[in-house]
Protein backbone atom coordinates (compact mmCIF):
# COMPACT_ATOMS: atom_id res chain seq x y z
CA MET A 1 -0.10 -0.06 0.11
CA THR A 2 1.05 3.57 -0.92
CA ILE A 3 1.09 6.72 1.64
CA THR A 4 -1.59 8.98 0.28
CA TYR A 5 -2.42 12.33 2.11
CA ASP A 6 -5.56 14.64 1.68
CA PRO A 7 -4.58 18.03 1.88
CA ALA A 8 -8.13 19.25 2.49
CA THR A 9 -8.51 16.93 5.77
CA GLY A 10 -4.49 16.76 6.65
CA THR A 11 -5.03 12.96 6.90
CA VAL A 12 -2.49 10.58 6.24
CA ARG A 13 -3.16 6.87 4.72
CA GLY A 14 -1.11 3.55 4.22
CA SER A 15 -0.68 0.75 5.95
CA ALA A 16 0.14 0.62 9.11
CA VAL A 17 3.86 -0.05 9.54
CA GLU A 18 3.98 3.06 6.50
CA VAL A 19 2.02 5.29 8.81
CA GLU A 20 3.35 4.35 11.79
CA GLY A 21 6.90 5.46 9.64
CA VAL A 22 5.46 8.57 8.76
CA ARG A 23 4.13 9.32 12.57
CA SER A 24 8.07 8.13 13.90
CA SER A 25 9.62 10.97 10.71
CA LEU A 26 7.32 13.75 11.86
CA ALA A 27 7.78 12.89 15.30
CA GLY A 28 11.46 13.60 14.56
CA GLY A 29 11.21 17.12 13.38
CA ASP A 30 10.26 15.93 9.34
CA PRO A 31 7.49 17.13 8.17
CA THR A 32 7.73 15.98 5.22
CA ALA A 33 8.47 12.22 6.49
CA GLY A 34 11.48 11.71 3.64
CA GLY A 35 9.72 13.18 0.76
CA ALA A 36 6.46 10.88 1.09
CA LEU A 37 4.58 14.10 2.10
CA PRO A 38 4.36 17.48 0.87
CA GLU A 39 6.77 20.59 1.89
CA GLY A 40 5.19 23.46 3.43
CA ASP A 41 2.29 22.07 4.50
CA PRO A 42 0.62 23.81 7.00
CA ILE A 43 -1.03 21.53 8.71
CA LEU A 44 1.92 18.64 8.51
CA ASP A 45 3.90 21.60 10.20
CA ALA A 46 1.51 21.54 12.85
CA VAL A 47 1.64 18.02 13.79
CA ALA A 48 5.08 18.01 13.63
CA ARG A 49 5.32 20.19 16.00
CA ALA A 50 2.60 18.84 18.22
CA LEU A 51 4.25 15.20 18.40
CA ALA A 52 7.71 17.09 19.12
CA ALA A 53 6.23 18.03 22.72
CA PRO A 54 3.01 16.09 23.55
CA MET A 55 1.56 17.00 27.05
CA LEU A 56 0.18 13.29 27.04
CA SER A 57 -0.39 10.26 25.48
CA LEU A 58 -3.84 8.40 25.19
CA GLU A 59 -3.71 4.56 23.32
CA LEU A 60 -7.79 3.94 23.06
CA THR A 61 -8.29 0.19 21.78
CA ASN A 62 -12.33 -0.77 20.52
CA SER A 63 -12.69 -4.58 20.42
CA GLY A 64 -15.66 -6.67 19.77
CA PRO A 65 -17.08 -9.16 17.28
CA GLY A 66 -16.05 -6.97 14.35
CA GLY A 67 -12.61 -6.40 14.71
CA HIS A 68 -9.88 -4.77 16.79
CA GLN A 69 -8.78 -0.80 16.53
CA ARG A 70 -6.04 0.92 17.75
CA HIS A 71 -5.86 4.48 18.19
CA LEU A 72 -3.01 6.58 19.58
CA LEU A 73 -3.76 10.23 20.57
CA GLU A 74 -0.66 12.55 21.31
CA ALA A 75 -1.74 15.95 22.58
CA GLY A 76 1.11 18.94 21.66
CA THR A 77 1.66 21.88 23.19
CA ASN A 78 0.21 23.63 19.93
CA ALA A 79 -2.87 22.47 21.23
CA VAL A 80 -3.14 19.94 18.42
CA THR A 81 -3.96 16.25 18.62
CA VAL A 82 -2.62 13.88 17.03
CA ARG A 83 -4.52 10.74 16.36
CA THR A 84 -2.74 7.51 14.39
CA SER A 85 -5.33 4.67 13.83
CA ASP A 86 -4.97 1.44 12.56
CA ALA A 87 -7.23 -1.54 12.44
CA GLY A 88 -5.19 -4.13 10.94
CA PRO A 89 -1.96 -4.18 9.21
CA GLU A 90 -3.13 -3.11 5.57
CA LEU A 91 -5.12 -0.04 7.07
CA GLY A 92 -3.90 2.96 9.15
CA GLU A 93 -4.47 6.34 9.33
CA LEU A 94 -2.92 9.60 11.02
CA GLY A 95 -4.99 12.87 11.69
CA ALA A 96 -4.96 15.72 13.48
CA PHE A 97 -7.62 17.95 15.62
CA PRO A 98 -8.13 20.41 18.11
CA PHE A 99 -7.27 19.64 21.64
CA GLN A 100 -10.82 20.97 22.79
CA VAL A 101 -12.34 18.45 21.07
CA LEU A 102 -10.41 15.55 22.37
CA PRO A 103 -13.35 14.46 24.44
CA GLY A 104 -15.89 14.25 21.50
CA SER A 105 -13.10 12.39 19.63
CA MET A 106 -12.76 9.73 21.92
CA THR A 107 -16.62 9.07 22.52
CA ARG A 108 -16.98 8.71 18.21
CA LEU A 109 -13.52 6.39 18.17
CA VAL A 110 -15.02 3.84 20.26
CA ASN A 111 -18.64 4.23 18.97
CA PHE A 112 -20.16 5.16 22.09
CA VAL A 113 -23.75 4.93 22.44
CA PRO A 114 -26.67 5.51 24.79
CA GLY A 115 -27.48 2.11 26.51
CA ARG A 116 -29.91 1.15 29.31
CA ALA A 117 -29.56 1.64 32.99
CA PRO A 118 -29.03 -1.61 35.29
CA GLY A 119 -31.72 -3.05 36.54
CA ASP A 120 -32.54 -2.95 40.86
CA GLY A 121 -29.98 -4.92 42.35
CA ALA A 122 -28.03 -5.68 39.42
CA GLU A 123 -24.27 -7.22 41.60
CA PRO A 124 -20.65 -7.15 40.26
CA VAL A 125 -19.26 -9.91 38.31
CA ARG A 126 -16.40 -11.43 39.19
CA ILE A 127 -13.95 -11.88 36.10
CA ASP A 128 -10.47 -13.37 35.47
CA ALA A 129 -7.74 -11.04 34.41
CA ALA A 130 -6.85 -13.27 31.59
CA GLN A 131 -10.77 -12.59 29.95
CA VAL A 132 -9.85 -8.76 29.93
CA THR A 133 -6.82 -9.54 27.87
CA ALA A 134 -8.25 -11.91 25.75
CA LEU A 135 -11.45 -9.80 25.14
CA ALA A 136 -9.64 -7.35 23.84
CA SER A 137 -6.85 -9.63 22.11
CA GLU A 138 -5.95 -8.54 17.85
CA ASP A 139 -7.30 -12.54 17.47
CA ALA A 140 -10.77 -12.83 16.75
CA ASP A 141 -11.24 -16.39 17.78
CA GLU A 142 -9.66 -15.41 20.93
CA ARG A 143 -12.25 -12.47 21.65
CA LEU A 144 -14.67 -14.81 20.76
CA ALA A 145 -14.16 -17.57 23.31
CA ALA A 146 -13.12 -15.30 25.87
CA TRP A 147 -16.84 -13.62 25.28
CA HIS A 148 -18.59 -16.50 25.59
CA GLY A 149 -17.03 -17.31 28.69
CA VAL A 150 -17.73 -13.77 30.48
CA ARG A 151 -21.65 -13.63 28.66
CA ASP A 152 -21.77 -17.02 30.59
CA ARG A 153 -21.11 -15.02 33.58
CA LEU A 154 -22.97 -11.86 32.93
CA ALA A 155 -26.01 -14.32 32.74
CA GLU A 156 -29.59 -12.19 33.35
CA LEU A 157 -27.74 -9.27 33.79
CA VAL A 158 -27.40 -9.04 29.35
CA ASP A 159 -29.42 -10.41 26.58
CA PRO A 160 -27.34 -12.88 24.19
CA ALA A 161 -29.37 -12.09 21.24
CA GLU A 162 -28.54 -8.58 21.05
CA ALA A 163 -24.81 -8.56 23.09
CA ASP A 164 -23.70 -11.53 20.89
CA ALA A 165 -23.21 -9.15 17.76
CA SER A 166 -22.13 -5.96 19.17
CA TRP A 167 -20.49 -6.37 22.54
CA GLN A 168 -17.10 -4.12 22.82
CA LEU A 169 -14.27 -3.82 25.17
CA VAL A 170 -13.18 -0.12 25.15
CA ARG A 171 -9.70 0.25 27.16
CA ALA A 172 -8.18 3.70 27.65
CA HIS A 173 -4.74 4.08 29.12
CA CYS A 174 -3.40 7.66 29.67
CA SER A 175 0.43 8.74 30.59
CA TRP A 176 1.86 12.13 30.86
CA THR A 177 4.24 14.01 33.49
CA ALA A 178 2.69 15.63 36.66
CA THR A 179 3.65 18.97 37.58
CA ASP A 180 6.01 17.24 40.33
CA GLY A 181 7.72 15.65 37.50
CA GLU A 182 6.39 12.34 38.22
CA ARG A 183 5.37 9.95 35.38
CA THR A 184 1.89 9.49 35.74
CA GLU A 185 -0.65 7.22 34.20
CA ASP A 186 -5.00 6.16 34.07
CA LEU A 187 -6.57 3.42 32.94
CA VAL A 188 -10.33 2.66 32.39
CA VAL A 189 -12.12 -0.41 31.06
CA HIS A 190 -15.51 -0.56 30.14
CA LEU A 191 -17.64 -3.25 28.40
CA ARG A 192 -20.62 -2.68 26.15
CA ALA A 193 -22.91 -5.59 26.21
CA GLY A 194 -26.16 -5.11 24.06
CA GLU A 195 -27.78 -1.79 25.66
CA SER A 196 -26.10 -2.83 29.51
CA TYR A 197 -22.61 -1.06 30.43
CA PHE A 198 -20.06 -2.64 32.77
CA VAL A 199 -17.10 -1.05 34.17
CA LEU A 200 -14.11 -2.45 35.02
CA VAL A 201 -12.87 -2.08 38.80
CA GLN A 202 -10.06 -3.87 40.74
CA ASP A 203 -9.99 -4.16 44.27
CA ASP A 204 -7.14 -5.90 45.33
CA ASP A 205 -5.95 -8.27 43.28
CA ALA A 206 -9.84 -9.08 42.26
CA LEU A 207 -11.39 -7.81 39.01
CA ASP A 208 -15.31 -6.83 38.89
CA LEU A 209 -17.65 -5.93 36.01
CA VAL A 210 -19.64 -3.21 37.70
CA PRO A 211 -23.14 -2.38 35.85
CA VAL A 212 -23.61 1.53 35.84
CA PRO A 213 -25.80 3.55 32.90
CA SER A 214 -24.40 4.35 30.55
CA ILE A 215 -23.26 7.95 31.27
CA THR A 216 -21.47 7.04 34.33
CA ALA A 217 -19.19 4.54 31.45
CA TRP A 218 -18.84 7.94 29.55
CA GLU A 219 -17.76 9.60 32.51
CA THR A 220 -15.24 6.92 33.45
CA LEU A 221 -14.00 7.25 30.00
CA ILE A 222 -13.48 10.48 29.79
CA ARG A 223 -11.96 11.10 33.45
CA VAL A 224 -8.80 8.59 32.23
CA LEU A 225 -7.35 12.53 31.21
CA PRO A 226 -5.90 15.00 33.59
CA GLY A 227 -6.85 18.18 34.30
CA ALA A 228 -4.88 21.08 32.80
CA GLY A 229 -3.38 21.91 36.69
CA GLU A 230 -2.17 18.23 36.63
CA ILE A 231 0.08 17.97 33.71
CA LYS A 232 4.16 19.41 33.42
CA ASP A 233 4.60 21.52 30.53
CA PRO A 234 7.17 19.02 28.43
CA ARG A 235 9.18 22.66 27.15
CA GLY A 236 10.33 22.84 30.81
């Protein structure tokens, strides 16, 4: 696959390997990516500046029966956020957008949709760490096998007829340098099964899927981002 660039949207497309190569070149200060991209493009110049001094890095993965997608979002000091996405070895994409719309972009990238509130008395469901890892696997057979085990544990909390075709596990991992100079990170995971949402909660060495309203799952996703006063300026 050959690298293509759309100057109207500032979007780079190619294979996952090609796009990652472009991102590395841009981060290294080469906005033309070794001649693969046009010179003097203002969007590419802004992307290169953002990648040269990122304030935070956010990895989003979205896994389900339809596939596995990974998005890397890096927010620069110039208020530009760079998104590098892949949906398999043959499809990669790099684009940019204003930092202010990052929460909305996260919502769109994970295909977040409203759901129904859990029923009265819905209890947390114990789950194994290995099952969570398998649900997020790039291998379709491994994801399917893990889902069947998780669905059995969720039992009457979900409707298999709707959940089997549309479940998705969303993982968001954010890292940044705190104002005290320490490298800091946060991780949130939620599962949507049909119209039911569950947030993954760790208690000591145990993991539970806690039934929640969809708005709670969304708020948990967005709160993985640090506040403006929690980040140290990478420019020193």
